Amino acid sequence: MNLASRRARHLFLFGIVLALAGKAALGQAADTSTQRAIDALFSSYNSNTPGVAIAVVKNGQVVFKKGYGVANLEYGLPITPGTVFHVASVSKQFTAFSIYLLEKQGKLSFEDDIRKYVPEMPDLGRPVRLRHLLAHTSGIRDQWALLTLAGWRMDDVITRQHILKILSRQRELNFEPGTAFSYSNSGYTLLAEVVRRVSGQSFAAFTRQNIFAPLGMTSTQFYEDFNQVVRNRAYSYEKENGAYIKKNLNYSNAGATSLLTTAEDLAKWASNFEHPVVGDAELIARFNAPSLLDNGQPVVYAVIEGETNYHAKGQILRNYRGVALWNHGGHDAGYRAYLVRFPSEGLSIITLSNDEHYEVLKTGLTIAGLYLKDRLKPRPAADTPAAPAGARTTGGSETADLRSLEGEFYSRELSTAYRAKAVAGKLILAHDRLEDIELSEAEQDTFQGRIEFPVTVKFARDSKGSVTGFTLANFGVTGVRFDRIR
């Protein structure tokens, strides 16, 4: 080959390299643009703040992962995609999946009464079936609702046995099982207990053997002992008076919560829905289907932006701007977690945070918009919520009226007592383990306040007008009775 020919050949090959490099650069530029947009969402996080770990999965492959902020403010350890977070209620889909695996093996039926496996649960005259627990349609009172009314703090050491004992003392259900939806963490603690008793293993061991190990989720576990040391774990924080403070969490219970995992490991779980390693396509199809009431109607979780959200066994199913998604968030102490899947697009997004103020849903869907911008319909106009008619925000009772409500009140169901007292024209509830609770009058003999969660206190009187007791209600209890004892 002469010199001219060799030069021509080199120029031709160089031209091909340039063309390929140009295409690669275009692809890299698009990736860089998306990355910059994601970075901008988390620009407030730095080496002096808590933060977020993120993973984006596309067609079974992780296409983006990164950490922002710090896992432990005392030691300045940075967050990475391999940082371990407590993911709160994102745990529930793993608990539900465990029940589905046992059902597939013929070891239980969704129609089984919970008392078949947990006979210490009270017989309230109506069967509470496993499918009711899975769908939040059991009517069983919520564990956190009960414990906080009984004087527990959310940062107390709370074990599986503590929860089972308080559930076994329930005197009535919130409603007829299978007739309504009401989010109940109790149901998922009970489901984990069913897994434990049916399998003969701890819940942590069952999920490790049947879910986490097969998927290679090596940094994932259900945390059943708050004393256990966990490497690479993030601690949670909340900003108060301009500075971050620790938000301690001492749970020793699992099922409704207490999954410790990473963004990288949750990416493997998300991919399992598209390419099953654990379970099979038939099981996953049933698992993704909306939960049902006893009348066969799908369980409605909420209506958001005019779209109905359905519950689907530890997941929420909705149509988001024309694209179907399955998602669920989690919130305990200062931990905030979010997993969203768009199966038709092969897209999943995981964000895990140790910042109480992180907006999980808004940020997660914003990231989704970066990858689905050509698929999403315009966002509907936001409705302006109407102010509730006739709402009263301040009390109007005279001190003399409040004094008629004074006394000591005891609940056998919760094994706890409150004292009601009138102080400077205000009605106060006092409990030995809690700060005094100031109540505001909503209507005659009905007051509102906060015992960890917002509560309603409704006093009862006899035919002579004397106060005989009151009921307490919050997000997970329709009314626990307290009798006046003095």
Protein backbone atom coordinates (compact mmCIF):
# COMPACT_ATOMS: atom_id res chain seq x y z
CA MET A 1 0.00 0.00 0.00
CA ASN A 2 1.50 3.35 -1.06
CA LEU A 3 1.70 6.43 1.14
CA ALA A 4 -1.35 8.13 -0.41
CA SER A 5 -3.47 5.02 0.10
CA ARG A 6 -2.37 4.70 3.72
CA ARG A 7 -3.22 8.36 4.37
CA ALA A 8 -6.63 7.96 2.77
CA ARG A 9 -7.33 4.88 4.88
CA HIS A 10 -6.24 6.67 8.08
CA LEU A 11 -8.46 9.64 7.25
CA PHE A 12 -11.42 7.30 6.64
CA LEU A 13 -10.92 5.49 9.95
CA PHE A 14 -10.42 8.79 11.78
CA GLY A 15 -13.69 10.03 10.28
CA ILE A 16 -15.52 6.96 11.62
CA VAL A 17 -14.00 7.52 15.09
CA LEU A 18 -15.10 11.16 15.02
CA ALA A 19 -18.63 10.17 13.98
CA LEU A 20 -18.88 7.60 16.74
CA ALA A 21 -17.43 10.03 19.25
CA GLY A 22 -20.02 12.59 18.20
CA LYS A 23 -22.86 10.14 18.79
CA ALA A 24 -21.38 9.18 22.16
CA ALA A 25 -21.02 12.83 23.08
CA LEU A 26 -24.68 13.46 22.23
CA GLY A 27 -25.73 10.58 24.45
CA GLN A 28 -23.41 11.71 27.20
CA ALA A 29 -24.76 15.26 26.94
CA ALA A 30 -28.31 14.00 27.43
CA ASP A 31 -27.22 11.97 30.46
CA THR A 32 -25.32 14.94 31.81
CA SER A 33 -28.35 17.18 31.39
CA THR A 34 -30.53 14.78 33.39
CA GLN A 35 -27.83 14.38 36.01
CA ARG A 36 -27.52 18.14 36.40
CA ALA A 37 -31.27 18.44 36.82
CA ILE A 38 -31.21 15.78 39.54
CA ASP A 39 -28.22 17.44 41.22
CA ALA A 40 -30.14 20.70 41.28
CA LEU A 41 -33.02 19.05 43.18
CA PHE A 42 -30.61 18.17 45.98
CA SER A 43 -28.39 21.26 45.88
CA SER A 44 -29.32 22.23 49.44
CA TYR A 45 -27.63 19.12 50.84
CA ASN A 46 -23.94 19.29 51.72
CA SER A 47 -21.34 18.08 54.22
CA ASN A 48 -23.21 19.81 57.07
CA THR A 49 -26.68 18.42 56.40
CA PRO A 50 -28.48 15.08 56.22
CA GLY A 51 -29.46 14.14 52.70
CA VAL A 52 -30.66 11.60 50.17
CA ALA A 53 -29.54 8.48 48.31
CA ILE A 54 -31.08 7.89 44.89
CA ALA A 55 -31.16 5.10 42.33
CA VAL A 56 -32.92 5.12 38.95
CA VAL A 57 -33.62 1.81 37.21
CA LYS A 58 -34.42 1.58 33.50
CA ASN A 59 -35.27 -1.78 31.92
CA GLY A 60 -33.64 -3.68 34.76
CA GLN A 61 -30.41 -1.65 34.78
CA VAL A 62 -29.35 1.07 37.19
CA VAL A 63 -28.83 4.13 34.99
CA PHE A 64 -28.19 6.64 37.75
CA LYS A 65 -27.23 6.43 41.41
CA LYS A 66 -25.77 8.97 43.77
CA GLY A 67 -25.68 10.18 47.35
CA TYR A 68 -26.09 13.72 48.69
CA GLY A 69 -25.44 15.02 52.20
CA VAL A 70 -24.28 13.16 55.28
CA ALA A 71 -25.35 9.87 56.86
CA ASN A 72 -24.13 10.79 60.35
CA LEU A 73 -23.66 14.43 61.30
CA GLU A 74 -21.51 13.58 64.32
CA TYR A 75 -18.86 11.88 62.20
CA GLY A 76 -19.42 13.55 58.81
CA LEU A 77 -19.91 10.27 56.94
CA PRO A 78 -21.19 10.95 53.40
CA ILE A 79 -24.32 9.32 51.99
CA THR A 80 -23.75 6.93 49.09
CA PRO A 81 -26.11 4.65 47.13
CA GLY A 82 -24.88 1.92 49.49
CA THR A 83 -25.85 3.76 52.70
CA VAL A 84 -28.36 1.80 54.81
CA PHE A 85 -31.65 3.58 55.63
CA HIS A 86 -34.70 2.66 57.67
CA VAL A 87 -37.49 2.81 55.06
CA ALA A 88 -40.58 2.70 57.32
CA SER A 89 -43.77 1.76 55.45
CA VAL A 90 -41.96 0.81 52.24
CA SER A 91 -41.39 -2.33 54.36
CA LYS A 92 -45.02 -3.36 53.94
CA GLN A 93 -44.74 -4.64 50.37
CA PHE A 94 -42.06 -7.11 51.50
CA THR A 95 -44.31 -8.33 54.31
CA ALA A 96 -47.21 -8.76 51.89
CA PHE A 97 -44.96 -10.53 49.38
CA SER A 98 -43.90 -12.98 52.11
CA ILE A 99 -47.56 -13.87 52.69
CA TYR A 100 -48.01 -14.36 48.95
CA LEU A 101 -45.00 -16.70 48.85
CA LEU A 102 -46.46 -18.80 51.67
CA GLU A 103 -49.86 -18.86 49.97
CA LYS A 104 -48.20 -20.01 46.74
CA GLN A 105 -46.60 -22.84 48.72
CA GLY A 106 -50.01 -23.89 50.06
CA LYS A 107 -49.08 -23.10 53.67
CA LEU A 108 -51.90 -20.63 54.28
CA SER A 109 -55.01 -19.15 52.68
CA PHE A 110 -55.93 -15.51 52.30
CA GLU A 111 -59.35 -16.52 53.71
CA ASP A 112 -57.83 -17.71 57.00
CA ASP A 113 -58.91 -15.93 60.18
CA ILE A 114 -55.98 -14.22 61.92
CA ARG A 115 -56.94 -16.12 65.10
CA LYS A 116 -55.94 -19.38 63.39
CA TYR A 117 -52.32 -18.26 63.70
CA VAL A 118 -52.49 -15.66 66.48
CA PRO A 119 -55.16 -17.08 68.82
CA GLU A 120 -54.41 -14.47 71.50
CA MET A 121 -56.16 -11.90 69.32
CA PRO A 122 -59.63 -11.24 70.80
CA ASP A 123 -62.73 -12.82 69.29
CA LEU A 124 -64.83 -9.78 68.45
CA GLY A 125 -67.60 -11.75 66.82
CA ARG A 126 -66.46 -11.29 63.22
CA PRO A 127 -63.58 -13.05 61.44
CA VAL A 128 -60.64 -10.88 60.44
CA ARG A 129 -59.09 -12.61 57.43
CA LEU A 130 -55.55 -12.36 56.13
CA ARG A 131 -56.81 -10.62 52.99
CA HIS A 132 -58.38 -7.96 55.23
CA LEU A 133 -55.00 -7.35 56.88
CA LEU A 134 -53.27 -7.12 53.49
CA ALA A 135 -55.81 -4.58 52.24
CA HIS A 136 -56.09 -2.40 55.39
CA THR A 137 -59.76 -3.37 55.59
CA SER A 138 -59.58 -5.34 58.86
CA GLY A 139 -61.02 -2.70 61.20
CA ILE A 140 -58.25 -3.53 63.69
CA ARG A 141 -57.05 -0.46 65.54
CA ASP A 142 -53.66 0.94 64.60
CA GLN A 143 -50.76 0.02 66.86
CA TRP A 144 -49.22 3.51 66.94
CA ALA A 145 -52.62 5.04 67.59
CA LEU A 146 -53.14 2.74 70.58
CA LEU A 147 -49.64 3.00 72.02
CA THR A 148 -49.52 6.79 71.93
CA LEU A 149 -52.95 7.04 73.57
CA ALA A 150 -51.61 4.68 76.25
CA GLY A 151 -48.80 7.14 76.99
CA TRP A 152 -45.99 5.69 74.88
CA ARG A 153 -43.55 7.93 73.00
CA MET A 154 -42.62 7.06 69.43
CA ASP A 155 -38.94 6.97 70.43
CA ASP A 156 -39.55 4.44 73.20
CA VAL A 157 -38.23 0.91 72.79
CA ILE A 158 -41.25 -0.81 71.19
CA THR A 159 -41.03 -4.56 70.66
CA ARG A 160 -43.13 -7.09 68.79
CA GLN A 161 -44.46 -8.37 72.13
CA HIS A 162 -45.50 -4.87 73.25
CA ILE A 163 -47.61 -4.51 70.10
CA LEU A 164 -49.14 -7.98 70.27
CA LYS A 165 -50.14 -7.42 73.90
CA ILE A 166 -51.91 -4.12 73.26
CA LEU A 167 -53.67 -5.55 70.17
CA SER A 168 -54.86 -8.55 72.18
CA ARG A 169 -56.64 -6.20 74.60
CA GLN A 170 -58.81 -4.52 71.95
CA ARG A 171 -62.48 -4.39 72.93
CA GLU A 172 -63.93 -3.64 69.51
CA LEU A 173 -63.05 -3.05 65.88
CA ASN A 174 -63.16 0.32 64.16
CA PHE A 175 -65.61 -1.10 61.59
CA GLU A 176 -66.94 -4.35 60.10
CA PRO A 177 -64.02 -6.19 58.41
CA GLY A 178 -64.02 -5.91 54.64
CA THR A 179 -66.38 -2.93 54.47
CA ALA A 180 -63.99 0.03 54.51
CA PHE A 181 -60.36 1.09 54.13
CA SER A 182 -58.40 2.47 57.07
CA TYR A 183 -54.62 2.36 57.09
CA SER A 184 -53.56 0.06 59.93
CA ASN A 185 -49.95 -0.71 60.78
CA SER A 186 -51.27 -3.38 63.15
CA GLY A 187 -52.33 -5.54 60.21
CA TYR A 188 -48.79 -5.75 58.87
CA THR A 189 -47.27 -6.50 62.27
CA LEU A 190 -49.77 -9.36 62.52
CA LEU A 191 -48.90 -10.57 59.01
CA ALA A 192 -45.22 -10.70 59.96
CA GLU A 193 -46.22 -12.71 63.02
CA VAL A 194 -48.13 -15.12 60.76
CA VAL A 195 -44.98 -15.56 58.64
CA ARG A 196 -42.99 -16.26 61.79
CA ARG A 197 -45.42 -18.86 63.13
CA VAL A 198 -46.14 -20.59 59.82
CA SER A 199 -42.50 -20.77 58.69
CA GLY A 200 -40.98 -21.59 62.05
CA GLN A 201 -38.35 -18.90 61.43
CA SER A 202 -37.96 -15.35 62.62
CA PHE A 203 -39.48 -12.90 60.18
CA ALA A 204 -36.00 -11.51 59.50
CA ALA A 205 -34.66 -14.99 58.71
CA PHE A 206 -37.59 -15.88 56.42
CA THR A 207 -37.28 -12.71 54.34
CA ARG A 208 -33.50 -13.03 54.16
CA GLN A 209 -33.73 -16.62 52.91
CA ASN A 210 -36.69 -16.21 50.56
CA ILE A 211 -36.33 -12.66 49.22
CA PHE A 212 -33.13 -10.80 50.00
CA ALA A 213 -30.52 -13.53 49.42
CA PRO A 214 -31.98 -14.74 46.08
CA LEU A 215 -32.03 -11.14 44.83
CA GLY A 216 -28.53 -10.34 46.05
CA MET A 217 -29.84 -7.69 48.46
CA THR A 218 -26.84 -8.14 50.72
CA SER A 219 -27.30 -4.92 52.70
CA THR A 220 -30.99 -5.49 53.46
CA GLN A 221 -32.65 -6.91 56.57
CA PHE A 222 -35.69 -6.60 58.77
CA TYR A 223 -34.45 -5.04 61.99
CA GLU A 224 -35.95 -6.86 64.99
CA ASP A 225 -33.48 -5.83 67.72
CA PHE A 226 -32.69 -2.16 68.24
CA ASN A 227 -29.40 -3.12 69.94
CA GLN A 228 -28.04 -4.72 66.77
CA VAL A 229 -25.07 -3.00 65.13
CA VAL A 230 -25.61 -2.21 61.44
CA ARG A 231 -22.70 -1.06 59.30
CA ASN A 232 -23.07 1.97 57.01
CA ARG A 233 -26.37 3.03 58.58
CA ALA A 234 -27.72 6.56 58.29
CA TYR A 235 -29.17 8.25 61.36
CA SER A 236 -32.16 10.55 61.12
CA TYR A 237 -32.49 14.27 61.77
CA GLU A 238 -34.97 17.12 62.00
CA LYS A 239 -34.30 20.85 61.88
CA GLU A 240 -35.41 22.71 64.99
CA ASN A 241 -34.72 26.40 65.64
CA GLY A 242 -32.39 26.49 62.66
CA ALA A 243 -30.22 23.52 63.71
CA TYR A 244 -30.47 19.78 63.05
CA ILE A 245 -31.30 17.54 66.00
CA LYS A 246 -31.29 13.74 66.18
CA LYS A 247 -34.56 11.84 65.76
CA ASN A 248 -34.04 8.60 67.63
CA LEU A 249 -35.79 5.39 66.61
CA ASN A 250 -35.72 2.33 68.86
CA TYR A 251 -38.11 -0.10 67.20
CA SER A 252 -37.69 -3.80 67.84
CA ASN A 253 -40.68 -4.78 65.73
CA ALA A 254 -41.00 -5.55 62.04
CA GLY A 255 -43.59 -6.06 59.34
CA ALA A 256 -45.30 -2.70 59.24
CA THR A 257 -41.88 -1.05 59.34
CA SER A 258 -38.21 -1.66 60.24
CA LEU A 259 -36.79 -2.69 56.88
CA LEU A 260 -33.18 -1.52 56.63
CA THR A 261 -31.96 -1.31 53.05
CA THR A 262 -30.09 0.74 50.45
CA ALA A 263 -30.99 2.47 47.21
CA GLU A 264 -28.83 -0.07 45.37
CA ASP A 265 -30.64 -3.03 46.97
CA LEU A 266 -34.11 -1.58 46.35
CA ALA A 267 -33.16 -1.27 42.68
CA LYS A 268 -32.82 -5.07 42.64
CA TRP A 269 -36.23 -5.45 44.26
CA ALA A 270 -37.82 -3.08 41.73
CA SER A 271 -36.29 -5.07 38.86
CA ASN A 272 -37.79 -8.28 40.25
CA PHE A 273 -41.25 -7.06 39.25
CA GLU A 274 -40.17 -6.89 35.61
CA HIS A 275 -37.78 -9.88 35.60
CA PRO A 276 -38.89 -12.22 38.42
CA VAL A 277 -36.28 -14.10 40.38
CA VAL A 278 -38.39 -14.34 43.55
CA GLY A 279 -41.97 -15.37 42.83
CA ASP A 280 -43.23 -15.68 39.27
CA ALA A 281 -45.23 -13.63 36.77
CA GLU A 282 -48.56 -15.07 37.96
CA LEU A 283 -47.85 -14.26 41.63
CA ILE A 284 -46.65 -10.76 40.78
CA ALA A 285 -49.73 -10.07 38.64
CA ARG A 286 -51.98 -10.98 41.58
CA PHE A 287 -49.79 -8.99 43.95
CA ASN A 288 -50.02 -5.86 41.78
CA ALA A 289 -53.81 -6.07 41.41
CA PRO A 290 -55.88 -3.67 43.53
CA SER A 291 -57.05 -4.98 46.90
CA LEU A 292 -60.78 -5.65 47.18
CA LEU A 293 -63.52 -4.99 49.69
CA ASP A 294 -65.81 -7.87 50.57
CA ASN A 295 -68.34 -6.58 48.03
CA GLY A 296 -65.78 -6.98 45.25
CA GLN A 297 -65.11 -3.27 44.79
CA PRO A 298 -61.46 -2.11 44.64
CA VAL A 299 -60.05 -0.50 47.76
CA VAL A 300 -59.74 3.26 47.23
CA TYR A 301 -56.75 4.77 49.01
CA ALA A 302 -57.33 8.42 48.05
CA VAL A 303 -58.21 10.73 45.15
CA ILE A 304 -55.28 12.93 44.08
CA GLU A 305 -55.40 15.47 41.23
CA GLY A 306 -58.71 13.95 40.15
CA GLU A 307 -57.22 10.45 39.85
CA THR A 308 -58.34 7.57 42.05
CA ASN A 309 -55.54 5.84 43.96
CA TYR A 310 -56.05 2.16 44.78
CA HIS A 311 -54.40 0.05 47.43
CA ALA A 312 -52.50 -3.02 46.23
CA LYS A 313 -50.87 -4.95 49.09
CA GLY A 314 -48.28 -2.56 50.48
CA GLN A 315 -48.37 -0.47 47.30
CA ILE A 316 -50.52 2.36 45.96
CA LEU A 317 -51.66 2.10 42.33
CA ARG A 318 -52.59 5.22 40.41
CA ASN A 319 -52.63 6.82 36.99
CA TYR A 320 -50.11 9.66 37.01
CA ARG A 321 -50.55 12.07 34.09
CA GLY A 322 -51.52 9.22 31.77
CA VAL A 323 -49.01 6.61 32.98
CA ALA A 324 -49.78 3.85 35.51
CA LEU A 325 -47.52 3.70 38.54
CA TRP A 326 -47.15 1.64 41.70
CA ASN A 327 -45.61 3.49 44.64
CA HIS A 328 -45.35 3.77 48.41
CA GLY A 329 -43.63 6.10 50.81
CA GLY A 330 -42.31 5.67 54.32
CA HIS A 331 -41.86 7.98 57.30
CA ASP A 332 -40.53 7.09 60.75
CA ALA A 333 -38.55 9.46 62.98
CA GLY A 334 -36.61 11.60 60.44
CA TYR A 335 -36.41 8.88 57.80
CA ARG A 336 -38.24 9.48 54.51
CA ALA A 337 -38.36 6.79 51.81
CA TYR A 338 -40.01 6.46 48.41
CA LEU A 339 -40.16 3.72 45.79
CA VAL A 340 -42.11 4.30 42.58
CA ARG A 341 -42.40 1.95 39.59
CA PHE A 342 -43.71 2.70 36.09
CA PRO A 343 -43.94 -0.85 34.66
CA SER A 344 -45.06 0.17 31.16
CA GLU A 345 -41.94 2.36 30.90
CA GLY A 346 -39.55 -0.05 32.59
CA LEU A 347 -38.70 2.76 35.01
CA SER A 348 -38.27 2.72 38.80
CA ILE A 349 -37.02 5.46 41.11
CA ILE A 350 -35.81 5.07 44.68
CA THR A 351 -35.03 7.95 47.03
CA LEU A 352 -34.06 7.39 50.68
CA SER A 353 -33.49 10.24 53.11
CA ASN A 354 -32.53 10.91 56.73
CA ASP A 355 -34.03 14.41 56.63
CA GLU A 356 -37.46 14.88 58.20
CA HIS A 357 -38.17 17.75 55.81
CA TYR A 358 -37.42 15.93 52.55
CA GLU A 359 -40.47 15.98 50.23
CA VAL A 360 -40.49 12.39 49.04
CA LEU A 361 -43.48 12.33 46.72
CA LYS A 362 -42.91 15.68 45.04
CA THR A 363 -39.21 15.04 44.44
CA GLY A 364 -39.66 11.44 43.32
CA LEU A 365 -42.25 12.39 40.72
CA THR A 366 -40.14 15.34 39.57
CA ILE A 367 -37.29 12.91 38.85
CA ALA A 368 -39.74 10.65 37.03
CA GLY A 369 -40.68 13.62 34.86
CA LEU A 370 -37.08 13.96 33.70
CA TYR A 371 -37.19 10.43 32.29
CA LEU A 372 -40.83 10.45 31.10
CA LYS A 373 -41.15 14.01 29.82
CA ASP A 374 -42.35 12.81 26.41
CA ARG A 375 -44.91 10.42 27.95
CA LEU A 376 -46.61 12.49 30.64
CA LYS A 377 -49.76 14.47 30.00
CA PRO A 378 -50.00 18.07 31.27
CA ARG A 379 -50.59 18.35 34.99
CA PRO A 380 -54.24 19.15 35.84
CA ALA A 381 -55.01 22.47 37.48
CA ALA A 382 -54.87 22.25 41.26
CA ASP A 383 -58.16 22.49 43.10
CA THR A 384 -58.43 25.09 45.85
CA PRO A 385 -59.61 23.30 48.98
CA ALA A 386 -62.68 24.82 50.57
CA ALA A 387 -62.47 25.84 54.22
CA PRO A 388 -64.56 23.56 56.43
CA ALA A 389 -67.90 25.13 57.22
CA GLY A 390 -68.58 26.06 60.80
CA ALA A 391 -65.11 25.12 62.08
CA ARG A 392 -64.22 26.44 65.50
CA THR A 393 -60.59 27.06 66.29
CA THR A 394 -60.81 28.51 69.77
CA GLY A 395 -62.60 27.41 72.87
CA GLY A 396 -65.55 29.26 74.24
CA SER A 397 -66.42 27.40 77.43
CA GLU A 398 -66.58 29.20 80.74
CA THR A 399 -64.25 28.01 83.50
CA ALA A 400 -67.25 26.79 85.49
CA ASP A 401 -68.26 24.49 82.63
CA LEU A 402 -64.73 23.11 82.34
CA ARG A 403 -64.65 22.27 86.03
CA SER A 404 -67.55 19.88 85.53
CA LEU A 405 -65.23 17.87 83.26
CA GLU A 406 -62.46 17.53 85.82
CA GLY A 407 -61.58 14.11 87.19
CA GLU A 408 -59.49 10.99 86.70
CA PHE A 409 -60.33 8.64 83.85
CA TYR A 410 -59.11 5.07 83.23
CA SER A 411 -59.14 2.78 80.19
CA ARG A 412 -59.03 -0.99 80.82
CA GLU A 413 -58.22 -1.53 77.15
CA LEU A 414 -55.08 0.62 77.31
CA SER A 415 -54.30 0.09 81.03
CA THR A 416 -53.70 3.81 81.42
CA ALA A 417 -55.20 6.88 83.07
CA TYR A 418 -55.59 10.59 82.32
CA ARG A 419 -56.53 13.47 84.61
CA ALA A 420 -58.69 16.27 83.26
CA LYS A 421 -58.28 19.66 84.92
CA ALA A 422 -59.31 23.24 84.23
CA VAL A 423 -56.36 25.65 84.28
CA ALA A 424 -56.70 29.38 83.48
CA GLY A 425 -59.80 28.82 81.35
CA LYS A 426 -58.31 25.87 79.46
CA LEU A 427 -59.03 22.16 79.74
CA ILE A 428 -55.84 20.14 80.26
CA LEU A 429 -55.31 16.38 80.04
CA ALA A 430 -52.44 15.11 82.18
CA HIS A 431 -50.67 11.74 81.91
CA ASP A 432 -47.78 10.49 84.05
CA ARG A 433 -45.50 9.90 81.01
CA LEU A 434 -46.49 12.85 78.81
CA GLU A 435 -46.33 16.61 78.71
CA ASP A 436 -49.67 18.19 79.62
CA ILE A 437 -52.08 18.27 76.67
CA GLU A 438 -54.02 21.50 76.11
CA LEU A 439 -57.44 20.93 74.56
CA SER A 440 -59.51 23.28 72.41
CA GLU A 441 -63.28 23.05 72.34
CA ALA A 442 -64.78 21.92 69.01
CA GLU A 443 -68.37 21.70 70.23
CA GLN A 444 -70.14 21.06 73.52
CA ASP A 445 -68.29 18.34 75.48
CA THR A 446 -66.02 17.64 72.49
CA PHE A 447 -62.41 18.82 72.41
CA GLN A 448 -59.38 18.51 70.18
CA GLY A 449 -55.70 18.26 71.03
CA ARG A 450 -52.57 16.33 70.25
CA ILE A 451 -51.18 13.18 71.86
CA GLU A 452 -48.34 12.58 69.37
CA PHE A 453 -51.09 12.62 66.71
CA PRO A 454 -54.22 14.83 66.59
CA VAL A 455 -56.94 13.49 68.89
CA THR A 456 -60.60 14.10 69.61
CA VAL A 457 -61.86 13.85 73.21
CA LYS A 458 -65.60 13.42 73.63
CA PHE A 459 -67.06 13.47 77.14
CA ALA A 460 -70.16 11.44 78.08
CA ARG A 461 -72.75 12.39 80.70
CA ASP A 462 -75.47 10.53 82.55
CA SER A 463 -79.12 11.55 82.73
CA LYS A 464 -78.29 13.99 85.54
CA GLY A 465 -75.63 15.71 83.49
CA SER A 466 -72.67 14.32 85.42
CA VAL A 467 -69.61 13.31 83.41
CA THR A 468 -69.15 9.53 83.39
CA GLY A 469 -66.17 9.24 81.05
CA PHE A 470 -64.83 10.15 77.64
CA THR A 471 -63.67 8.53 74.43
CA LEU A 472 -60.38 9.22 72.64
CA ALA A 473 -60.14 8.98 68.86
CA ASN A 474 -57.30 9.61 66.43
CA PHE A 475 -56.25 8.54 62.92
CA GLY A 476 -56.30 4.85 63.79
CA VAL A 477 -58.90 4.51 66.56
CA THR A 478 -62.57 5.40 66.32
CA GLY A 479 -62.99 5.71 70.10
CA VAL A 480 -61.37 4.12 73.14
CA ARG A 481 -63.47 4.48 76.29
CA PHE A 482 -62.12 5.98 79.50
CA ASP A 483 -64.35 5.63 82.57
CA ARG A 484 -64.36 8.25 85.32
CA ILE A 485 -62.91 6.68 88.46
CA ARG A 486 -62.81 9.78 90.68
